[in-house]
């Protein structure tokens, strides 16, 4: 198992292999909500975005990461980044992480569908037996989003990392580790498809009843 660059297409979102051509779109996306100011996560400042793209592409060349630019199909704009990381080919495991989205698309079907595309590719094409998600114990928005996918909490790694954030200096991070295993995938897929389609129904129904 070794993830290779690929474009994954959905109804709301397209995941493209990350490239420097996404730079201006990502700089614009990170300004939507000034995401670099969040102390509990590390999202690059617009001036540091080119270096972050090059860092991720460098890790991809080493087989350690497969980064994507997340494209909002409806608005035809870059919405953020997401990544296969901590690739463990021998044990057919991968983590989906280092993900962020512009504020205006958060809590929309875009994230659900992006995760569905990544999970489907991991389980059905790459043959993964487990997919992990990790987040800061205090990042309640991220934890709720992961739990809505159907992932289960494996545990908390206490004082797992030292986050050197410009606003928080050295902040100790407790990391929540979640996972979905292969035997759970079919039910999770049905659950995600229901979430995506149910949101479409609700949005369409609301438009027709205004």
N, C-alpha and C. Protein backbone atom coordinates (compact mmCIF):
# COMPACT_ATOMS: atom_id res chain seq x y z
N UNK A 1 0.84 -1.19 0.00
CA UNK A 1 0.00 0.00 0.00
C UNK A 1 0.87 1.24 0.00
N UNK A 2 0.78 2.05 -1.05
CA UNK A 2 1.49 3.32 -1.09
C UNK A 2 0.63 4.32 -1.85
N UNK A 3 -0.02 5.25 -1.13
CA UNK A 3 -0.87 6.24 -1.82
C UNK A 3 -0.07 7.03 -2.85
N UNK A 4 -0.64 7.19 -4.03
CA UNK A 4 -0.04 7.94 -5.12
C UNK A 4 -0.94 9.13 -5.47
N UNK A 5 -0.35 10.20 -6.03
CA UNK A 5 -1.17 11.36 -6.39
C UNK A 5 -2.36 10.97 -7.26
N UNK A 6 -3.53 11.48 -6.88
CA UNK A 6 -4.77 11.15 -7.59
C UNK A 6 -5.76 12.28 -7.35
N UNK A 7 -6.63 12.53 -8.31
CA UNK A 7 -7.72 13.48 -8.14
C UNK A 7 -8.98 12.71 -7.77
N UNK A 8 -9.64 13.12 -6.69
CA UNK A 8 -10.86 12.48 -6.21
C UNK A 8 -12.02 13.45 -6.40
N UNK A 9 -13.06 13.01 -7.11
CA UNK A 9 -14.16 13.89 -7.47
C UNK A 9 -15.45 13.52 -6.76
N UNK A 10 -16.15 14.53 -6.23
CA UNK A 10 -17.46 14.35 -5.63
C UNK A 10 -18.44 15.34 -6.22
N UNK A 11 -19.60 15.47 -5.57
CA UNK A 11 -20.62 16.41 -6.03
C UNK A 11 -20.31 17.83 -5.57
N UNK A 12 -19.80 17.95 -4.35
CA UNK A 12 -19.55 19.26 -3.74
C UNK A 12 -18.08 19.65 -3.79
N UNK A 13 -17.21 18.66 -3.85
CA UNK A 13 -15.79 18.91 -3.63
C UNK A 13 -14.93 18.08 -4.57
N UNK A 14 -13.79 18.62 -4.93
CA UNK A 14 -12.78 17.90 -5.70
C UNK A 14 -11.46 18.00 -4.93
N UNK A 15 -10.79 16.87 -4.77
CA UNK A 15 -9.49 16.84 -4.10
C UNK A 15 -8.42 16.67 -5.17
N UNK A 16 -7.54 17.66 -5.28
CA UNK A 16 -6.49 17.66 -6.29
C UNK A 16 -5.14 17.50 -5.61
N UNK A 17 -4.19 16.79 -6.23
CA UNK A 17 -2.84 16.73 -5.67
C UNK A 17 -2.30 18.14 -5.45
N UNK A 18 -1.82 18.41 -4.25
CA UNK A 18 -1.35 19.75 -3.90
C UNK A 18 -0.20 20.18 -4.78
N UNK A 19 -0.25 21.43 -5.24
CA UNK A 19 0.81 21.98 -6.09
C UNK A 19 0.95 23.47 -5.81
N UNK A 20 2.06 24.04 -6.22
CA UNK A 20 2.28 25.48 -6.03
C UNK A 20 1.27 26.32 -6.80
N UNK A 21 0.62 25.72 -7.80
CA UNK A 21 -0.42 26.45 -8.53
C UNK A 21 -1.63 26.77 -7.65
N UNK A 22 -1.75 26.10 -6.50
CA UNK A 22 -2.85 26.37 -5.57
C UNK A 22 -2.52 27.50 -4.59
N UNK A 23 -1.34 28.09 -4.71
CA UNK A 23 -0.86 29.04 -3.70
C UNK A 23 -1.82 30.20 -3.48
N UNK A 24 -2.20 30.92 -4.52
CA UNK A 24 -3.03 32.12 -4.32
C UNK A 24 -4.39 31.74 -3.75
N UNK A 25 -4.95 30.62 -4.21
CA UNK A 25 -6.24 30.18 -3.68
C UNK A 25 -6.16 29.82 -2.21
N UNK A 26 -5.07 29.17 -1.79
CA UNK A 26 -4.90 28.82 -0.38
C UNK A 26 -4.64 30.05 0.48
N UNK A 27 -3.91 31.02 -0.07
CA UNK A 27 -3.69 32.26 0.67
C UNK A 27 -5.02 32.98 0.91
N UNK A 28 -5.87 32.99 -0.11
CA UNK A 28 -7.19 33.60 0.04
C UNK A 28 -8.04 32.83 1.04
N UNK A 29 -7.96 31.49 0.98
CA UNK A 29 -8.77 30.65 1.86
C UNK A 29 -8.42 30.86 3.33
N UNK A 30 -7.13 30.94 3.63
CA UNK A 30 -6.72 31.04 5.03
C UNK A 30 -7.06 32.40 5.63
N UNK A 31 -7.26 33.40 4.76
CA UNK A 31 -7.67 34.73 5.25
C UNK A 31 -9.13 34.74 5.66
N UNK A 32 -9.92 33.79 5.15
CA UNK A 32 -11.35 33.68 5.48
C UNK A 32 -11.47 33.12 6.89
N UNK A 33 -11.53 34.02 7.86
CA UNK A 33 -11.58 33.62 9.26
C UNK A 33 -10.25 33.79 9.98
N UNK A 34 -9.22 34.28 9.26
CA UNK A 34 -7.88 34.46 9.85
C UNK A 34 -7.48 33.20 10.64
N UNK A 35 -7.46 32.08 9.93
CA UNK A 35 -7.31 30.77 10.57
C UNK A 35 -5.97 30.59 11.26
N UNK A 36 -4.95 31.31 10.84
CA UNK A 36 -3.62 31.15 11.45
C UNK A 36 -3.60 31.62 12.90
N UNK A 37 -4.66 32.33 13.34
CA UNK A 37 -4.70 32.82 14.72
C UNK A 37 -5.18 31.77 15.72
N UNK A 38 -5.72 30.64 15.23
CA UNK A 38 -6.19 29.60 16.15
C UNK A 38 -5.01 29.00 16.90
N UNK A 39 -5.04 29.07 18.22
CA UNK A 39 -3.86 28.68 18.99
C UNK A 39 -3.68 27.17 19.11
N UNK A 40 -4.79 26.39 19.00
CA UNK A 40 -4.72 24.95 19.27
C UNK A 40 -4.39 24.14 18.03
N UNK A 41 -4.14 24.78 16.91
CA UNK A 41 -3.76 24.08 15.70
C UNK A 41 -2.75 24.93 14.95
N UNK A 42 -2.07 24.34 13.99
CA UNK A 42 -1.04 25.06 13.24
C UNK A 42 -1.48 25.20 11.78
N UNK A 43 -1.99 26.37 11.43
CA UNK A 43 -2.41 26.69 10.08
C UNK A 43 -1.55 27.85 9.60
N UNK A 44 -0.93 27.75 8.42
CA UNK A 44 0.06 28.75 8.02
C UNK A 44 -0.53 30.12 7.72
N UNK A 45 0.22 31.12 8.06
CA UNK A 45 -0.07 32.50 7.67
C UNK A 45 0.03 32.60 6.15
N UNK A 46 -0.73 33.50 5.51
CA UNK A 46 -0.64 33.62 4.05
C UNK A 46 0.79 33.78 3.53
N UNK A 47 1.62 34.51 4.29
CA UNK A 47 3.01 34.74 3.85
C UNK A 47 3.86 33.47 3.92
N UNK A 48 3.40 32.47 4.68
CA UNK A 48 4.15 31.23 4.86
C UNK A 48 3.54 30.07 4.07
N UNK A 49 2.52 30.36 3.28
CA UNK A 49 1.80 29.30 2.59
C UNK A 49 2.67 28.59 1.56
N UNK A 50 3.48 29.33 0.82
CA UNK A 50 4.33 28.70 -0.20
C UNK A 50 5.29 27.70 0.45
N UNK A 51 5.86 28.08 1.60
CA UNK A 51 6.77 27.19 2.31
C UNK A 51 6.04 25.94 2.80
N UNK A 52 4.78 26.09 3.22
CA UNK A 52 4.00 24.94 3.69
C UNK A 52 3.68 23.99 2.54
N UNK A 53 3.35 24.55 1.37
CA UNK A 53 3.09 23.71 0.20
C UNK A 53 4.35 22.92 -0.15
N UNK A 54 5.48 23.60 -0.17
CA UNK A 54 6.74 22.94 -0.52
C UNK A 54 7.12 21.89 0.51
N UNK A 55 6.82 22.16 1.80
CA UNK A 55 7.12 21.18 2.85
C UNK A 55 6.30 19.91 2.63
N UNK A 56 5.01 20.07 2.35
CA UNK A 56 4.16 18.89 2.16
C UNK A 56 4.55 18.12 0.90
N UNK A 57 4.89 18.83 -0.16
CA UNK A 57 5.31 18.16 -1.38
C UNK A 57 6.62 17.41 -1.15
N UNK A 58 7.50 17.99 -0.34
CA UNK A 58 8.76 17.32 0.00
C UNK A 58 8.52 16.03 0.76
N UNK A 59 7.56 16.04 1.70
CA UNK A 59 7.22 14.83 2.44
C UNK A 59 6.56 13.80 1.53
N UNK A 60 5.81 14.28 0.55
CA UNK A 60 5.23 13.36 -0.43
C UNK A 60 6.33 12.64 -1.20
N UNK A 61 7.38 13.36 -1.58
CA UNK A 61 8.48 12.75 -2.33
C UNK A 61 9.17 11.66 -1.52
N UNK A 62 9.10 11.77 -0.18
CA UNK A 62 9.71 10.76 0.69
C UNK A 62 8.74 9.61 1.01
N UNK A 63 7.53 9.67 0.47
CA UNK A 63 6.55 8.62 0.73
C UNK A 63 5.90 8.72 2.10
N UNK A 64 5.99 9.91 2.74
CA UNK A 64 5.48 10.07 4.09
C UNK A 64 4.12 10.75 4.14
N UNK A 65 3.70 11.34 3.02
CA UNK A 65 2.49 12.15 3.02
C UNK A 65 1.95 12.23 1.61
N UNK A 66 0.62 12.37 1.49
CA UNK A 66 0.00 12.65 0.20
C UNK A 66 -0.98 13.79 0.41
N UNK A 67 -0.57 15.02 0.08
CA UNK A 67 -1.40 16.19 0.36
C UNK A 67 -2.32 16.55 -0.81
N UNK A 68 -3.47 17.13 -0.46
CA UNK A 68 -4.46 17.54 -1.44
C UNK A 68 -4.86 19.01 -1.21
N UNK A 69 -5.18 19.68 -2.30
CA UNK A 69 -5.92 20.94 -2.22
C UNK A 69 -7.39 20.60 -2.34
N UNK A 70 -8.21 21.20 -1.50
CA UNK A 70 -9.65 20.94 -1.48
C UNK A 70 -10.35 22.04 -2.28
N UNK A 71 -11.05 21.65 -3.34
CA UNK A 71 -11.69 22.60 -4.23
C UNK A 71 -13.20 22.57 -4.03
N UNK A 72 -13.79 23.72 -3.73
CA UNK A 72 -15.24 23.87 -3.62
C UNK A 72 -15.79 23.97 -5.04
N UNK A 73 -16.49 22.93 -5.49
CA UNK A 73 -16.96 22.87 -6.88
C UNK A 73 -18.01 23.94 -7.16
N UNK A 74 -18.92 24.15 -6.22
CA UNK A 74 -20.00 25.11 -6.46
C UNK A 74 -19.46 26.52 -6.63
N UNK A 75 -18.51 26.92 -5.78
CA UNK A 75 -17.98 28.27 -5.83
C UNK A 75 -16.74 28.38 -6.71
N UNK A 76 -16.23 27.23 -7.17
CA UNK A 76 -15.04 27.20 -8.00
C UNK A 76 -13.89 27.96 -7.36
N UNK A 77 -13.61 27.59 -6.10
CA UNK A 77 -12.51 28.21 -5.38
C UNK A 77 -11.85 27.20 -4.46
N UNK A 78 -10.62 27.48 -4.08
CA UNK A 78 -9.90 26.62 -3.14
C UNK A 78 -10.50 26.81 -1.76
N UNK A 79 -10.84 25.71 -1.11
CA UNK A 79 -11.46 25.76 0.21
C UNK A 79 -10.48 25.47 1.33
N UNK A 80 -9.36 24.77 1.03
CA UNK A 80 -8.40 24.43 2.07
C UNK A 80 -7.48 23.30 1.66
N UNK A 81 -6.98 22.58 2.66
CA UNK A 81 -6.04 21.47 2.47
C UNK A 81 -6.51 20.25 3.26
N UNK A 82 -6.10 19.08 2.82
CA UNK A 82 -6.22 17.87 3.61
C UNK A 82 -5.13 16.91 3.17
N UNK A 83 -4.89 15.84 3.94
CA UNK A 83 -3.69 15.04 3.71
C UNK A 83 -3.85 13.61 4.20
N UNK A 84 -3.31 12.66 3.44
CA UNK A 84 -2.97 11.34 3.98
C UNK A 84 -1.59 11.50 4.62
N UNK A 85 -1.45 11.10 5.87
CA UNK A 85 -0.17 11.25 6.55
C UNK A 85 0.08 10.04 7.45
N UNK A 86 1.27 10.02 8.06
CA UNK A 86 1.65 8.86 8.89
C UNK A 86 1.33 7.56 8.16
N UNK A 87 1.76 7.49 6.92
CA UNK A 87 1.48 6.34 6.07
C UNK A 87 2.27 5.13 6.56
N UNK A 88 1.57 4.07 6.91
CA UNK A 88 2.19 2.83 7.39
C UNK A 88 1.84 1.73 6.39
N UNK A 89 2.64 1.62 5.35
CA UNK A 89 2.34 0.67 4.27
C UNK A 89 2.37 -0.77 4.76
N UNK A 90 3.31 -1.09 5.64
CA UNK A 90 3.44 -2.48 6.10
C UNK A 90 2.19 -2.95 6.83
N UNK A 91 1.58 -2.05 7.59
CA UNK A 91 0.39 -2.41 8.37
C UNK A 91 -0.90 -1.88 7.76
N UNK A 92 -0.79 -1.32 6.55
CA UNK A 92 -1.95 -0.85 5.78
C UNK A 92 -2.84 0.09 6.60
N UNK A 93 -2.16 1.08 7.19
CA UNK A 93 -2.84 2.10 7.98
C UNK A 93 -2.44 3.47 7.46
N UNK A 94 -3.34 4.43 7.61
CA UNK A 94 -3.04 5.80 7.21
C UNK A 94 -3.85 6.74 8.09
N UNK A 95 -3.33 7.94 8.27
CA UNK A 95 -4.07 8.98 9.00
C UNK A 95 -4.55 10.02 8.00
N UNK A 96 -5.78 10.49 8.18
CA UNK A 96 -6.28 11.66 7.46
C UNK A 96 -6.16 12.83 8.41
N UNK A 97 -5.36 13.81 8.03
CA UNK A 97 -5.13 14.92 8.95
C UNK A 97 -4.55 16.14 8.26
N UNK A 98 -3.98 17.06 9.11
CA UNK A 98 -3.45 18.33 8.63
C UNK A 98 -4.47 19.00 7.72
N UNK A 99 -5.74 18.99 8.18
CA UNK A 99 -6.86 19.48 7.39
C UNK A 99 -7.34 20.82 7.92
N UNK A 100 -7.58 21.73 7.03
CA UNK A 100 -8.25 22.99 7.40
C UNK A 100 -9.04 23.51 6.21
N UNK A 101 -10.13 24.27 6.53
CA UNK A 101 -11.01 24.84 5.51
C UNK A 101 -11.29 26.31 5.82
N UNK A 102 -11.47 27.09 4.76
CA UNK A 102 -11.89 28.48 4.95
C UNK A 102 -13.17 28.50 5.79
N UNK A 103 -13.31 29.55 6.60
CA UNK A 103 -14.39 29.60 7.57
C UNK A 103 -15.77 29.50 6.91
N UNK A 104 -15.94 30.08 5.74
CA UNK A 104 -17.26 30.15 5.12
C UNK A 104 -17.79 28.80 4.64
N UNK A 105 -16.95 27.77 4.55
CA UNK A 105 -17.44 26.44 4.13
C UNK A 105 -17.46 25.45 5.29
N UNK A 106 -17.06 25.87 6.48
CA UNK A 106 -17.11 24.98 7.62
C UNK A 106 -18.57 24.70 7.98
N UNK A 107 -18.84 23.48 8.45
CA UNK A 107 -20.20 23.02 8.79
C UNK A 107 -21.09 22.95 7.55
N UNK A 108 -20.50 22.61 6.42
CA UNK A 108 -21.26 22.38 5.19
C UNK A 108 -20.98 20.94 4.73
N UNK A 109 -21.70 20.45 3.71
CA UNK A 109 -21.45 19.09 3.23
C UNK A 109 -20.05 18.89 2.65
N UNK A 110 -19.32 19.98 2.42
CA UNK A 110 -18.00 19.87 1.79
C UNK A 110 -17.06 18.97 2.59
N UNK A 111 -16.97 19.17 3.89
CA UNK A 111 -16.05 18.37 4.70
C UNK A 111 -16.49 16.91 4.74
N UNK A 112 -17.79 16.68 4.90
CA UNK A 112 -18.29 15.30 4.95
C UNK A 112 -17.94 14.56 3.67
N UNK A 113 -18.16 15.22 2.53
CA UNK A 113 -17.88 14.54 1.26
C UNK A 113 -16.37 14.36 1.04
N UNK A 114 -15.58 15.34 1.45
CA UNK A 114 -14.12 15.19 1.32
C UNK A 114 -13.64 13.98 2.10
N UNK A 115 -14.13 13.82 3.34
CA UNK A 115 -13.73 12.68 4.15
C UNK A 115 -14.25 11.38 3.53
N UNK A 116 -15.44 11.40 2.96
CA UNK A 116 -15.99 10.21 2.34
C UNK A 116 -15.12 9.77 1.16
N UNK A 117 -14.66 10.73 0.35
CA UNK A 117 -13.79 10.41 -0.78
C UNK A 117 -12.48 9.81 -0.31
N UNK A 118 -11.89 10.41 0.74
CA UNK A 118 -10.61 9.92 1.25
C UNK A 118 -10.75 8.54 1.89
N UNK A 119 -11.82 8.33 2.64
CA UNK A 119 -12.04 7.04 3.28
C UNK A 119 -12.30 5.95 2.24
N UNK A 120 -13.11 6.28 1.24
CA UNK A 120 -13.41 5.29 0.20
C UNK A 120 -12.15 4.88 -0.55
N UNK A 121 -11.32 5.85 -0.89
CA UNK A 121 -10.07 5.55 -1.60
C UNK A 121 -9.15 4.70 -0.72
N UNK A 122 -9.09 5.05 0.58
CA UNK A 122 -8.22 4.31 1.50
C UNK A 122 -8.66 2.87 1.66
N UNK A 123 -9.94 2.64 1.91
CA UNK A 123 -10.42 1.29 2.18
C UNK A 123 -10.62 0.46 0.90
N UNK A 124 -11.13 1.07 -0.15
CA UNK A 124 -11.53 0.29 -1.32
C UNK A 124 -10.47 0.23 -2.42
N UNK A 125 -9.57 1.19 -2.47
CA UNK A 125 -8.51 1.19 -3.49
C UNK A 125 -7.14 0.83 -2.92
N UNK A 126 -6.84 1.38 -1.74
CA UNK A 126 -5.52 1.16 -1.15
C UNK A 126 -5.48 -0.06 -0.23
N UNK A 127 -6.64 -0.60 0.12
CA UNK A 127 -6.68 -1.80 0.96
C UNK A 127 -6.34 -1.56 2.41
N UNK A 128 -6.62 -0.35 2.93
CA UNK A 128 -6.32 -0.06 4.33
C UNK A 128 -7.19 -0.91 5.25
N UNK A 129 -6.62 -1.27 6.39
CA UNK A 129 -7.39 -1.97 7.41
C UNK A 129 -7.86 -1.02 8.50
N UNK A 130 -7.27 0.19 8.54
CA UNK A 130 -7.70 1.19 9.52
C UNK A 130 -7.27 2.57 9.03
N UNK A 131 -8.11 3.56 9.34
CA UNK A 131 -7.81 4.96 9.03
C UNK A 131 -7.95 5.75 10.33
N UNK A 132 -6.92 6.54 10.65
CA UNK A 132 -6.90 7.31 11.89
C UNK A 132 -7.22 8.78 11.64
N UNK A 133 -7.69 9.42 12.71
CA UNK A 133 -7.86 10.88 12.77
C UNK A 133 -7.31 11.33 14.12
N UNK A 134 -6.58 12.43 14.13
CA UNK A 134 -6.03 12.93 15.38
C UNK A 134 -6.32 14.43 15.49
N UNK A 135 -6.59 14.88 16.71
CA UNK A 135 -6.86 16.30 16.91
C UNK A 135 -6.57 16.68 18.36
N UNK A 136 -6.42 17.97 18.59
CA UNK A 136 -6.19 18.50 19.94
C UNK A 136 -7.41 18.21 20.80
N UNK A 137 -7.19 17.81 22.04
CA UNK A 137 -8.28 17.47 22.95
C UNK A 137 -9.22 18.66 23.15
N UNK A 138 -8.73 19.88 23.00
CA UNK A 138 -9.55 21.07 23.19
C UNK A 138 -10.18 21.59 21.91
N UNK A 139 -9.88 20.95 20.79
CA UNK A 139 -10.46 21.38 19.51
C UNK A 139 -11.83 20.71 19.37
N UNK A 140 -12.82 21.27 20.06
CA UNK A 140 -14.14 20.64 20.12
C UNK A 140 -14.81 20.58 18.75
N UNK A 141 -14.61 21.60 17.92
CA UNK A 141 -15.22 21.58 16.58
C UNK A 141 -14.68 20.43 15.76
N UNK A 142 -13.36 20.22 15.82
CA UNK A 142 -12.75 19.12 15.07
C UNK A 142 -13.20 17.77 15.63
N UNK A 143 -13.27 17.65 16.96
CA UNK A 143 -13.68 16.38 17.57
C UNK A 143 -15.11 16.03 17.18
N UNK A 144 -16.01 17.01 17.20
CA UNK A 144 -17.40 16.74 16.82
C UNK A 144 -17.49 16.33 15.35
N UNK A 145 -16.69 16.98 14.50
CA UNK A 145 -16.71 16.64 13.08
C UNK A 145 -16.22 15.21 12.85
N UNK A 146 -15.16 14.81 13.56
CA UNK A 146 -14.63 13.44 13.43
C UNK A 146 -15.66 12.42 13.93
N UNK A 147 -16.29 12.73 15.05
CA UNK A 147 -17.28 11.81 15.62
C UNK A 147 -18.50 11.68 14.72
N UNK A 148 -18.88 12.76 14.02
CA UNK A 148 -20.01 12.69 13.10
C UNK A 148 -19.72 11.77 11.92
N UNK A 149 -18.45 11.58 11.61
CA UNK A 149 -18.09 10.65 10.54
C UNK A 149 -18.38 9.20 10.92
N UNK A 150 -18.43 8.92 12.22
CA UNK A 150 -18.59 7.55 12.69
C UNK A 150 -17.31 6.97 13.26
N UNK A 151 -16.27 7.80 13.39
CA UNK A 151 -15.01 7.33 13.97
C UNK A 151 -15.16 7.14 15.48
N UNK A 152 -14.40 6.21 16.02
CA UNK A 152 -14.45 5.92 17.46
C UNK A 152 -13.17 6.37 18.13
N UNK A 153 -13.30 6.86 19.35
CA UNK A 153 -12.15 7.33 20.11
C UNK A 153 -11.35 6.15 20.62
N UNK A 154 -10.09 6.05 20.18
CA UNK A 154 -9.20 4.99 20.66
C UNK A 154 -8.56 5.37 21.99
N UNK A 155 -8.30 6.66 22.19
CA UNK A 155 -7.68 7.10 23.43
C UNK A 155 -7.12 8.50 23.30
N UNK A 156 -6.52 8.97 24.39
CA UNK A 156 -5.92 10.30 24.43
C UNK A 156 -4.44 10.15 24.76
N UNK A 157 -3.59 10.70 23.90
CA UNK A 157 -2.15 10.73 24.15
C UNK A 157 -1.84 12.01 24.91
N UNK A 158 -1.56 11.89 26.20
CA UNK A 158 -1.37 13.06 27.05
C UNK A 158 0.03 13.65 26.84
N UNK A 159 0.08 14.99 26.79
CA UNK A 159 1.32 15.71 26.51
C UNK A 159 2.05 15.08 25.31
N UNK A 160 1.30 14.89 24.26
CA UNK A 160 1.79 14.20 23.07
C UNK A 160 2.74 15.06 22.25
N UNK A 161 2.46 16.38 22.21
CA UNK A 161 3.27 17.27 21.39
C UNK A 161 3.47 18.61 22.08
N UNK A 162 4.52 19.28 21.66
CA UNK A 162 4.72 20.67 22.05
C UNK A 162 4.42 21.52 20.82
N UNK A 163 3.32 22.29 20.87
CA UNK A 163 2.94 23.15 19.76
C UNK A 163 3.59 24.51 19.94
N UNK A 164 4.47 24.84 19.05
CA UNK A 164 5.14 26.14 19.10
C UNK A 164 4.39 27.13 18.21
N UNK A 165 3.32 27.67 18.77
CA UNK A 165 2.46 28.59 18.03
C UNK A 165 2.88 30.03 18.34
N UNK A 166 2.88 30.92 17.33
CA UNK A 166 3.29 32.31 17.57
C UNK A 166 2.47 32.99 18.66
N UNK A 167 1.20 32.61 18.84
CA UNK A 167 0.35 33.25 19.83
C UNK A 167 0.39 32.55 21.18
N UNK A 168 0.81 31.30 21.21
CA UNK A 168 0.78 30.53 22.46
C UNK A 168 2.16 30.09 22.92
N UNK A 169 3.20 30.41 22.17
CA UNK A 169 4.55 29.97 22.45
C UNK A 169 4.57 28.44 22.55
N UNK A 170 5.06 27.87 23.65
CA UNK A 170 5.11 26.41 23.75
C UNK A 170 3.88 25.92 24.52
N UNK A 171 2.90 25.38 23.78
CA UNK A 171 1.68 24.87 24.39
C UNK A 171 1.67 23.36 24.30
N UNK A 172 1.50 22.68 25.43
CA UNK A 172 1.45 21.22 25.44
C UNK A 172 0.12 20.74 24.86
N UNK A 173 0.20 19.77 23.98
CA UNK A 173 -1.00 19.25 23.31
C UNK A 173 -1.30 17.83 23.77
N UNK A 174 -2.52 17.62 24.27
CA UNK A 174 -3.06 16.28 24.45
C UNK A 174 -3.80 15.93 23.16
N UNK A 175 -3.49 14.77 22.58
CA UNK A 175 -4.02 14.40 21.28
C UNK A 175 -5.06 13.30 21.40
N UNK A 176 -6.26 13.56 20.87
CA UNK A 176 -7.30 12.53 20.77
C UNK A 176 -7.06 11.73 19.51
N UNK A 177 -7.02 10.41 19.64
CA UNK A 177 -6.82 9.51 18.50
C UNK A 177 -8.14 8.77 18.23
N UNK A 178 -8.66 8.95 17.03
CA UNK A 178 -9.87 8.26 16.58
C UNK A 178 -9.51 7.34 15.43
N UNK A 179 -10.38 6.35 15.17
CA UNK A 179 -10.15 5.50 14.00
C UNK A 179 -11.45 4.93 13.48
N UNK A 180 -11.41 4.54 12.21
CA UNK A 180 -12.43 3.71 11.57
C UNK A 180 -11.69 2.50 11.04
N UNK A 181 -12.20 1.30 11.33
CA UNK A 181 -11.54 0.09 10.85
C UNK A 181 -12.34 -0.49 9.67
N UNK A 182 -11.68 -1.38 8.94
CA UNK A 182 -12.25 -1.87 7.68
C UNK A 182 -13.62 -2.49 7.87
N UNK A 183 -13.83 -3.25 8.93
CA UNK A 183 -15.12 -3.92 9.14
C UNK A 183 -16.25 -2.92 9.40
N UNK A 184 -15.91 -1.69 9.75
CA UNK A 184 -16.92 -0.66 10.00
C UNK A 184 -17.23 0.17 8.76
N UNK A 185 -16.42 0.03 7.73
CA UNK A 185 -16.48 0.96 6.60
C UNK A 185 -17.83 0.97 5.89
N UNK A 186 -18.44 -0.17 5.62
CA UNK A 186 -19.70 -0.18 4.87
C UNK A 186 -20.79 0.60 5.61
N UNK A 187 -20.88 0.42 6.92
CA UNK A 187 -21.88 1.17 7.68
C UNK A 187 -21.54 2.66 7.73
N UNK A 188 -20.26 2.96 7.88
CA UNK A 188 -19.84 4.36 7.88
C UNK A 188 -20.16 5.01 6.54
N UNK A 189 -19.92 4.28 5.44
CA UNK A 189 -20.20 4.83 4.11
C UNK A 189 -21.69 5.13 3.96
N UNK A 190 -22.55 4.21 4.39
CA UNK A 190 -23.99 4.46 4.34
C UNK A 190 -24.37 5.68 5.16
N UNK A 191 -23.75 5.80 6.33
CA UNK A 191 -24.01 6.93 7.22
C UNK A 191 -23.59 8.25 6.57
N UNK A 192 -22.42 8.28 5.94
CA UNK A 192 -21.95 9.50 5.29
C UNK A 192 -22.81 9.86 4.09
N UNK A 193 -23.18 8.86 3.30
CA UNK A 193 -24.06 9.11 2.15
C UNK A 193 -25.40 9.69 2.61
N UNK A 194 -25.91 9.17 3.71
CA UNK A 194 -27.17 9.70 4.25
C UNK A 194 -27.00 11.15 4.68
N UNK A 195 -25.88 11.45 5.36
CA UNK A 195 -25.64 12.82 5.80
C UNK A 195 -25.58 13.77 4.61
N UNK A 196 -24.84 13.39 3.58
CA UNK A 196 -24.68 14.25 2.41
C UNK A 196 -26.02 14.46 1.71
N UNK A 197 -26.75 13.38 1.47
CA UNK A 197 -28.03 13.47 0.76
C UNK A 197 -29.10 14.13 1.60
N UNK A 198 -29.08 13.89 2.92
CA UNK A 198 -30.06 14.50 3.80
C UNK A 198 -29.88 16.01 3.82
N UNK A 199 -28.63 16.48 3.83
CA UNK A 199 -28.38 17.92 3.81
C UNK A 199 -28.87 18.52 2.50
N UNK A 200 -28.66 17.80 1.39
CA UNK A 200 -29.13 18.29 0.10
C UNK A 200 -30.65 18.41 0.12
N UNK A 201 -31.34 17.40 0.72
CA UNK A 201 -32.80 17.43 0.81
C UNK A 201 -33.26 18.63 1.64
N UNK A 202 -32.63 18.82 2.79
CA UNK A 202 -33.03 19.90 3.68
C UNK A 202 -32.82 21.25 3.01
N UNK A 203 -31.67 21.42 2.34
CA UNK A 203 -31.38 22.68 1.68
C UNK A 203 -32.37 22.94 0.55
N UNK A 204 -32.67 21.92 -0.26
CA UNK A 204 -33.59 22.07 -1.37
C UNK A 204 -35.00 22.36 -0.86
N UNK A 205 -35.42 21.64 0.19
CA UNK A 205 -36.75 21.83 0.76
C UNK A 205 -36.89 23.25 1.32
N UNK A 206 -35.83 23.73 1.98
CA UNK A 206 -35.86 25.09 2.54
C UNK A 206 -36.00 26.12 1.43
N UNK A 207 -35.28 25.92 0.32
CA UNK A 207 -35.36 26.86 -0.79
C UNK A 207 -36.76 26.90 -1.37
N UNK A 208 -37.44 25.75 -1.40
CA UNK A 208 -38.75 25.68 -2.03
C UNK A 208 -39.87 26.16 -1.12
N UNK A 209 -39.57 26.32 0.18
CA UNK A 209 -40.63 26.72 1.12
C UNK A 209 -40.45 28.15 1.63
N UNK A 210 -39.44 28.84 1.17
CA UNK A 210 -39.23 30.23 1.62
C UNK A 210 -40.34 31.11 1.07
